[in-house]
């Protein structure tokens, strides 16, 4: 009998292609790149606002390009995907215990979606107002 434990061989570069769950995980992680670029765009917008109306008008003119519109649409889609997938795994990442019992996962997920809807509604109202 050998003393060496069995170690399964896995690729160091394509390990995530072996299981659909790993693919979804990596897809969620890749969405962070788009969120980072969109966040940088928002910081640039704040800088343009700070530099005056002319700078902000020039910034808005740049946002009207087809490439910018396409990027913002893609960023919206991947951000929604990131949020939905994260909300769905929240009960495993953040179990809530009250006394000896754990709160059922659907309540945690529902609370996240509820807060997301309320915050979105508030932002929409403030944006229109």
N, C-alpha and C. Protein backbone atom coordinates (compact mmCIF):
# COMPACT_ATOMS: atom_id res chain seq x y z
N UNK A 1 0.84 -1.18 0.00
CA UNK A 1 0.00 0.00 0.00
C UNK A 1 0.89 1.25 0.00
N UNK A 2 0.54 2.20 -0.82
CA UNK A 2 1.32 3.43 -0.95
C UNK A 2 0.94 4.42 0.14
N UNK A 3 1.92 5.18 0.58
CA UNK A 3 1.67 6.22 1.59
C UNK A 3 1.23 7.54 0.96
N UNK A 4 1.37 7.64 -0.34
CA UNK A 4 1.00 8.89 -1.02
C UNK A 4 -0.51 8.97 -1.18
N UNK A 5 -1.11 10.10 -0.83
CA UNK A 5 -2.56 10.25 -1.05
C UNK A 5 -2.83 10.49 -2.53
N UNK A 6 -4.04 10.14 -2.94
CA UNK A 6 -4.44 10.37 -4.33
C UNK A 6 -4.70 11.86 -4.54
N UNK A 7 -4.05 12.42 -5.52
CA UNK A 7 -4.25 13.82 -5.87
C UNK A 7 -4.72 13.85 -7.32
N UNK A 8 -5.92 14.36 -7.51
CA UNK A 8 -6.50 14.41 -8.84
C UNK A 8 -5.79 15.48 -9.67
N UNK A 9 -5.45 15.14 -10.87
CA UNK A 9 -4.78 16.08 -11.77
C UNK A 9 -5.81 17.07 -12.32
N UNK A 10 -5.53 18.35 -12.17
CA UNK A 10 -6.37 19.40 -12.75
C UNK A 10 -5.49 20.42 -13.44
N UNK A 11 -6.02 20.99 -14.48
CA UNK A 11 -5.30 22.00 -15.22
C UNK A 11 -5.27 23.30 -14.42
N UNK A 12 -4.15 23.97 -14.43
CA UNK A 12 -4.03 25.22 -13.69
C UNK A 12 -4.64 26.40 -14.44
N UNK A 13 -4.89 26.25 -15.74
CA UNK A 13 -5.42 27.36 -16.52
C UNK A 13 -6.87 27.16 -16.97
N UNK A 14 -7.32 25.94 -17.10
CA UNK A 14 -8.68 25.71 -17.60
C UNK A 14 -9.53 24.90 -16.62
N UNK A 15 -9.23 24.95 -15.36
CA UNK A 15 -9.97 24.18 -14.35
C UNK A 15 -11.44 24.54 -14.32
N UNK A 16 -11.76 25.78 -14.62
CA UNK A 16 -13.14 26.24 -14.52
C UNK A 16 -14.02 25.72 -15.66
N UNK A 17 -13.43 25.13 -16.67
CA UNK A 17 -14.21 24.59 -17.79
C UNK A 17 -14.72 23.18 -17.51
N UNK A 18 -14.34 22.60 -16.37
CA UNK A 18 -14.70 21.22 -16.07
C UNK A 18 -16.11 21.05 -15.53
N UNK A 19 -16.71 22.10 -15.00
CA UNK A 19 -18.03 21.96 -14.38
C UNK A 19 -18.84 23.22 -14.66
N UNK A 20 -20.14 23.11 -14.96
CA UNK A 20 -20.95 24.30 -15.24
C UNK A 20 -20.98 25.30 -14.08
N UNK A 21 -20.92 24.81 -12.85
CA UNK A 21 -20.94 25.72 -11.70
C UNK A 21 -19.69 26.60 -11.69
N UNK A 22 -18.56 26.01 -12.08
CA UNK A 22 -17.31 26.79 -12.14
C UNK A 22 -17.38 27.83 -13.25
N UNK A 23 -18.03 27.47 -14.36
CA UNK A 23 -18.18 28.44 -15.46
C UNK A 23 -19.02 29.63 -15.02
N UNK A 24 -20.11 29.36 -14.29
CA UNK A 24 -20.94 30.46 -13.80
C UNK A 24 -20.17 31.33 -12.81
N UNK A 25 -19.38 30.69 -11.98
CA UNK A 25 -18.56 31.44 -11.02
C UNK A 25 -17.59 32.37 -11.74
N UNK A 26 -16.91 31.84 -12.74
CA UNK A 26 -15.94 32.66 -13.48
C UNK A 26 -16.64 33.76 -14.28
N UNK A 27 -17.82 33.47 -14.81
CA UNK A 27 -18.58 34.50 -15.53
C UNK A 27 -18.93 35.64 -14.58
N UNK A 28 -19.33 35.30 -13.35
CA UNK A 28 -19.65 36.34 -12.37
C UNK A 28 -18.40 37.15 -12.03
N UNK A 29 -17.26 36.50 -11.93
CA UNK A 29 -16.03 37.21 -11.61
C UNK A 29 -15.59 38.13 -12.75
N UNK A 30 -15.80 37.69 -13.99
CA UNK A 30 -15.42 38.52 -15.15
C UNK A 30 -16.28 39.77 -15.24
N UNK A 31 -17.51 39.70 -14.75
CA UNK A 31 -18.36 40.89 -14.79
C UNK A 31 -17.79 42.03 -13.98
N UNK A 32 -16.93 41.73 -13.03
CA UNK A 32 -16.32 42.78 -12.22
C UNK A 32 -15.46 43.72 -13.06
N UNK A 33 -14.92 43.22 -14.16
CA UNK A 33 -14.11 44.07 -15.04
C UNK A 33 -14.98 45.18 -15.63
N UNK A 34 -16.17 44.82 -16.09
CA UNK A 34 -17.08 45.82 -16.65
C UNK A 34 -17.55 46.80 -15.56
N UNK A 35 -17.79 46.28 -14.37
CA UNK A 35 -18.20 47.15 -13.27
C UNK A 35 -17.08 48.12 -12.91
N UNK A 36 -15.84 47.66 -12.96
CA UNK A 36 -14.69 48.54 -12.69
C UNK A 36 -14.61 49.66 -13.73
N UNK A 37 -14.74 49.32 -14.99
CA UNK A 37 -14.66 50.33 -16.05
C UNK A 37 -15.82 51.31 -15.94
N UNK A 38 -17.02 50.82 -15.63
CA UNK A 38 -18.16 51.72 -15.46
C UNK A 38 -17.96 52.63 -14.25
N UNK A 39 -17.38 52.11 -13.18
CA UNK A 39 -17.09 52.94 -12.01
C UNK A 39 -16.09 54.03 -12.37
N UNK A 40 -15.09 53.69 -13.16
CA UNK A 40 -14.13 54.70 -13.62
C UNK A 40 -14.84 55.76 -14.46
N UNK A 41 -15.79 55.34 -15.28
CA UNK A 41 -16.58 56.29 -16.07
C UNK A 41 -17.36 57.25 -15.17
N UNK A 42 -17.92 56.74 -14.08
CA UNK A 42 -18.64 57.60 -13.13
C UNK A 42 -17.71 58.58 -12.44
N UNK A 43 -16.51 58.13 -12.11
CA UNK A 43 -15.53 59.04 -11.49
C UNK A 43 -15.14 60.13 -12.48
N UNK A 44 -14.99 59.78 -13.75
CA UNK A 44 -14.70 60.79 -14.77
C UNK A 44 -15.86 61.77 -14.91
N UNK A 45 -17.09 61.29 -14.76
CA UNK A 45 -18.26 62.18 -14.81
C UNK A 45 -18.22 63.15 -13.64
N UNK A 46 -17.87 62.68 -12.47
CA UNK A 46 -17.75 63.58 -11.32
C UNK A 46 -16.66 64.62 -11.54
N UNK A 47 -15.56 64.21 -12.13
CA UNK A 47 -14.50 65.16 -12.46
C UNK A 47 -14.97 66.20 -13.46
N UNK A 48 -15.75 65.78 -14.45
CA UNK A 48 -16.28 66.72 -15.44
C UNK A 48 -17.25 67.70 -14.79
N UNK A 49 -18.08 67.21 -13.87
CA UNK A 49 -19.01 68.09 -13.15
C UNK A 49 -18.22 69.12 -12.33
N UNK A 50 -17.15 68.66 -11.71
CA UNK A 50 -16.34 69.57 -10.88
C UNK A 50 -15.63 70.62 -11.72
N UNK A 51 -15.36 70.32 -13.00
CA UNK A 51 -14.66 71.27 -13.86
C UNK A 51 -15.58 72.26 -14.56
N UNK A 52 -16.87 72.15 -14.32
CA UNK A 52 -17.78 73.15 -14.86
C UNK A 52 -18.72 72.61 -15.92
N UNK A 53 -19.69 73.46 -16.31
CA UNK A 53 -20.71 73.03 -17.28
C UNK A 53 -20.15 72.65 -18.65
N UNK A 54 -19.12 73.36 -19.10
CA UNK A 54 -18.56 73.06 -20.43
C UNK A 54 -17.90 71.68 -20.43
N UNK A 55 -17.15 71.37 -19.37
CA UNK A 55 -16.49 70.07 -19.30
C UNK A 55 -17.53 68.95 -19.19
N UNK A 56 -18.59 69.19 -18.46
CA UNK A 56 -19.63 68.17 -18.32
C UNK A 56 -20.37 67.98 -19.64
N UNK A 57 -20.62 69.06 -20.37
CA UNK A 57 -21.27 68.95 -21.69
C UNK A 57 -20.38 68.17 -22.65
N UNK A 58 -19.06 68.40 -22.59
CA UNK A 58 -18.14 67.65 -23.44
C UNK A 58 -18.13 66.16 -23.06
N UNK A 59 -18.19 65.89 -21.78
CA UNK A 59 -18.23 64.51 -21.31
C UNK A 59 -19.51 63.81 -21.80
N UNK A 60 -20.64 64.50 -21.70
CA UNK A 60 -21.90 63.92 -22.17
C UNK A 60 -21.88 63.70 -23.68
N UNK A 61 -21.21 64.60 -24.41
CA UNK A 61 -21.11 64.43 -25.86
C UNK A 61 -20.33 63.16 -26.20
N UNK A 62 -19.29 62.86 -25.41
CA UNK A 62 -18.53 61.63 -25.62
C UNK A 62 -19.37 60.39 -25.33
N UNK A 63 -20.30 60.51 -24.40
CA UNK A 63 -21.14 59.36 -24.04
C UNK A 63 -22.18 59.04 -25.11
N UNK A 64 -22.38 59.93 -26.07
CA UNK A 64 -23.37 59.70 -27.12
C UNK A 64 -22.82 58.89 -28.29
N UNK A 65 -21.57 58.47 -28.22
CA UNK A 65 -21.01 57.66 -29.30
C UNK A 65 -21.61 56.26 -29.24
N UNK A 66 -21.73 55.60 -30.38
CA UNK A 66 -22.31 54.24 -30.39
C UNK A 66 -21.51 53.25 -29.53
N UNK A 67 -20.20 53.39 -29.50
CA UNK A 67 -19.37 52.49 -28.69
C UNK A 67 -19.65 52.69 -27.21
N UNK A 68 -19.81 53.93 -26.80
CA UNK A 68 -20.10 54.22 -25.39
C UNK A 68 -21.49 53.71 -25.00
N UNK A 69 -22.45 53.89 -25.88
CA UNK A 69 -23.80 53.39 -25.60
C UNK A 69 -23.79 51.87 -25.52
N UNK A 70 -23.08 51.21 -26.42
CA UNK A 70 -22.98 49.76 -26.39
C UNK A 70 -22.31 49.29 -25.10
N UNK A 71 -21.22 49.96 -24.72
CA UNK A 71 -20.54 49.57 -23.48
C UNK A 71 -21.48 49.72 -22.28
N UNK A 72 -22.20 50.82 -22.20
CA UNK A 72 -23.09 51.03 -21.06
C UNK A 72 -24.22 50.00 -21.03
N UNK A 73 -24.73 49.58 -22.18
CA UNK A 73 -25.75 48.53 -22.21
C UNK A 73 -25.17 47.19 -21.75
N UNK A 74 -23.96 46.88 -22.22
CA UNK A 74 -23.31 45.63 -21.80
C UNK A 74 -23.02 45.69 -20.30
N UNK A 75 -22.56 46.84 -19.81
CA UNK A 75 -22.29 46.99 -18.38
C UNK A 75 -23.57 46.80 -17.57
N UNK A 76 -24.69 47.30 -18.06
CA UNK A 76 -25.96 47.12 -17.35
C UNK A 76 -26.34 45.63 -17.29
N UNK A 77 -26.21 44.94 -18.41
CA UNK A 77 -26.57 43.52 -18.45
C UNK A 77 -25.68 42.70 -17.52
N UNK A 78 -24.37 42.92 -17.58
CA UNK A 78 -23.48 42.12 -16.74
C UNK A 78 -23.62 42.49 -15.26
N UNK A 79 -23.98 43.74 -14.97
CA UNK A 79 -24.21 44.12 -13.59
C UNK A 79 -25.46 43.45 -13.03
N UNK A 80 -26.50 43.37 -13.83
CA UNK A 80 -27.71 42.66 -13.40
C UNK A 80 -27.40 41.18 -13.21
N UNK A 81 -26.64 40.59 -14.14
CA UNK A 81 -26.25 39.19 -14.00
C UNK A 81 -25.45 38.98 -12.72
N UNK A 82 -24.49 39.85 -12.47
CA UNK A 82 -23.66 39.75 -11.26
C UNK A 82 -24.53 39.84 -10.00
N UNK A 83 -25.45 40.78 -9.99
CA UNK A 83 -26.30 40.97 -8.82
C UNK A 83 -27.21 39.77 -8.59
N UNK A 84 -27.84 39.28 -9.65
CA UNK A 84 -28.77 38.16 -9.52
C UNK A 84 -28.03 36.91 -9.05
N UNK A 85 -26.89 36.62 -9.64
CA UNK A 85 -26.15 35.42 -9.23
C UNK A 85 -25.64 35.56 -7.81
N UNK A 86 -25.24 36.75 -7.42
CA UNK A 86 -24.76 36.93 -6.05
C UNK A 86 -25.93 36.81 -5.06
N UNK A 87 -27.06 37.40 -5.36
CA UNK A 87 -28.21 37.29 -4.47
C UNK A 87 -28.62 35.83 -4.29
N UNK A 88 -28.52 35.04 -5.35
CA UNK A 88 -28.93 33.64 -5.27
C UNK A 88 -27.99 32.78 -4.43
N UNK A 89 -26.73 33.17 -4.29
CA UNK A 89 -25.81 32.41 -3.44
C UNK A 89 -25.65 33.03 -2.05
N UNK A 90 -26.33 34.12 -1.80
CA UNK A 90 -26.20 34.78 -0.51
C UNK A 90 -26.53 33.89 0.68
N UNK A 91 -27.55 33.04 0.65
CA UNK A 91 -27.82 32.19 1.82
C UNK A 91 -26.64 31.28 2.20
N UNK A 92 -25.85 30.86 1.21
CA UNK A 92 -24.68 30.05 1.52
C UNK A 92 -23.53 30.91 2.03
N UNK A 93 -23.40 32.13 1.51
CA UNK A 93 -22.30 33.00 1.91
C UNK A 93 -22.59 33.74 3.21
N UNK A 94 -23.86 33.97 3.51
CA UNK A 94 -24.23 34.74 4.69
C UNK A 94 -25.43 34.11 5.38
N UNK A 95 -25.24 32.95 6.02
CA UNK A 95 -26.37 32.35 6.72
C UNK A 95 -26.74 33.17 7.95
N UNK A 96 -28.01 33.41 8.14
CA UNK A 96 -28.50 34.19 9.27
C UNK A 96 -29.12 33.24 10.28
N UNK A 97 -28.62 33.31 11.50
CA UNK A 97 -29.12 32.42 12.54
C UNK A 97 -29.86 33.22 13.59
N UNK A 98 -31.06 32.78 13.92
CA UNK A 98 -31.85 33.39 14.99
C UNK A 98 -32.11 32.30 16.01
N UNK A 99 -31.48 32.43 17.15
CA UNK A 99 -31.56 31.38 18.15
C UNK A 99 -30.84 30.14 17.66
N UNK A 100 -31.52 29.03 17.65
CA UNK A 100 -30.93 27.77 17.18
C UNK A 100 -31.23 27.50 15.71
N UNK A 101 -32.16 28.26 15.13
CA UNK A 101 -32.61 28.01 13.76
C UNK A 101 -31.97 29.00 12.79
N UNK A 102 -31.78 28.55 11.57
CA UNK A 102 -31.30 29.41 10.51
C UNK A 102 -32.49 29.94 9.73
N UNK A 103 -32.39 31.19 9.30
CA UNK A 103 -33.44 31.80 8.48
C UNK A 103 -33.43 31.09 7.12
N UNK A 104 -34.59 30.68 6.60
CA UNK A 104 -34.64 30.02 5.29
C UNK A 104 -34.03 30.90 4.20
N UNK A 105 -33.36 30.24 3.27
CA UNK A 105 -32.65 30.94 2.20
C UNK A 105 -33.54 31.84 1.36
N UNK A 106 -34.79 31.41 1.11
CA UNK A 106 -35.66 32.23 0.25
C UNK A 106 -35.99 33.57 0.90
N UNK A 107 -36.00 33.65 2.23
CA UNK A 107 -36.24 34.93 2.91
C UNK A 107 -35.05 35.87 2.73
N UNK A 108 -33.85 35.31 2.81
CA UNK A 108 -32.65 36.13 2.63
C UNK A 108 -32.58 36.66 1.20
N UNK A 109 -32.81 35.77 0.24
CA UNK A 109 -32.79 36.18 -1.18
C UNK A 109 -33.89 37.19 -1.44
N UNK A 110 -35.08 36.94 -0.93
CA UNK A 110 -36.20 37.87 -1.12
C UNK A 110 -35.93 39.23 -0.51
N UNK A 111 -35.28 39.26 0.65
CA UNK A 111 -34.94 40.54 1.27
C UNK A 111 -33.96 41.32 0.41
N UNK A 112 -33.01 40.63 -0.18
CA UNK A 112 -32.05 41.32 -1.06
C UNK A 112 -32.75 41.89 -2.29
N UNK A 113 -33.62 41.10 -2.91
CA UNK A 113 -34.35 41.61 -4.07
C UNK A 113 -35.27 42.77 -3.68
N UNK A 114 -35.88 42.68 -2.51
CA UNK A 114 -36.74 43.77 -2.05
C UNK A 114 -35.98 45.06 -1.84
N UNK A 115 -34.83 44.98 -1.19
CA UNK A 115 -34.01 46.18 -0.98
C UNK A 115 -33.53 46.72 -2.32
N UNK A 116 -33.15 45.83 -3.24
CA UNK A 116 -32.71 46.25 -4.57
C UNK A 116 -33.84 47.01 -5.28
N UNK A 117 -35.05 46.51 -5.20
CA UNK A 117 -36.19 47.17 -5.84
C UNK A 117 -36.47 48.54 -5.21
N UNK A 118 -36.42 48.61 -3.88
CA UNK A 118 -36.69 49.89 -3.20
C UNK A 118 -35.61 50.91 -3.55
N UNK A 119 -34.35 50.51 -3.50
CA UNK A 119 -33.27 51.45 -3.83
C UNK A 119 -33.37 51.89 -5.28
N UNK A 120 -33.69 50.96 -6.18
CA UNK A 120 -33.85 51.34 -7.60
C UNK A 120 -34.99 52.32 -7.78
N UNK A 121 -36.09 52.10 -7.08
CA UNK A 121 -37.23 53.01 -7.16
C UNK A 121 -36.87 54.39 -6.63
N UNK A 122 -36.17 54.45 -5.52
CA UNK A 122 -35.75 55.74 -4.96
C UNK A 122 -34.83 56.48 -5.92
N UNK A 123 -33.86 55.75 -6.50
CA UNK A 123 -32.96 56.38 -7.46
C UNK A 123 -33.73 56.87 -8.69
N UNK A 124 -34.68 56.09 -9.15
CA UNK A 124 -35.50 56.49 -10.29
C UNK A 124 -36.31 57.75 -9.97
N UNK A 125 -36.92 57.79 -8.81
CA UNK A 125 -37.71 58.96 -8.41
C UNK A 125 -36.82 60.19 -8.28
N UNK A 126 -35.66 60.02 -7.66
CA UNK A 126 -34.74 61.16 -7.52
C UNK A 126 -34.19 61.62 -8.85
N UNK A 127 -34.01 60.68 -9.78
CA UNK A 127 -33.50 61.04 -11.11
C UNK A 127 -34.53 61.80 -11.93
N UNK A 128 -35.80 61.48 -11.76
CA UNK A 128 -36.87 62.16 -12.51
C UNK A 128 -37.19 63.50 -11.86
N UNK A 129 -37.10 63.52 -10.55
CA UNK A 129 -37.46 64.73 -9.81
C UNK A 129 -36.47 65.78 -10.01
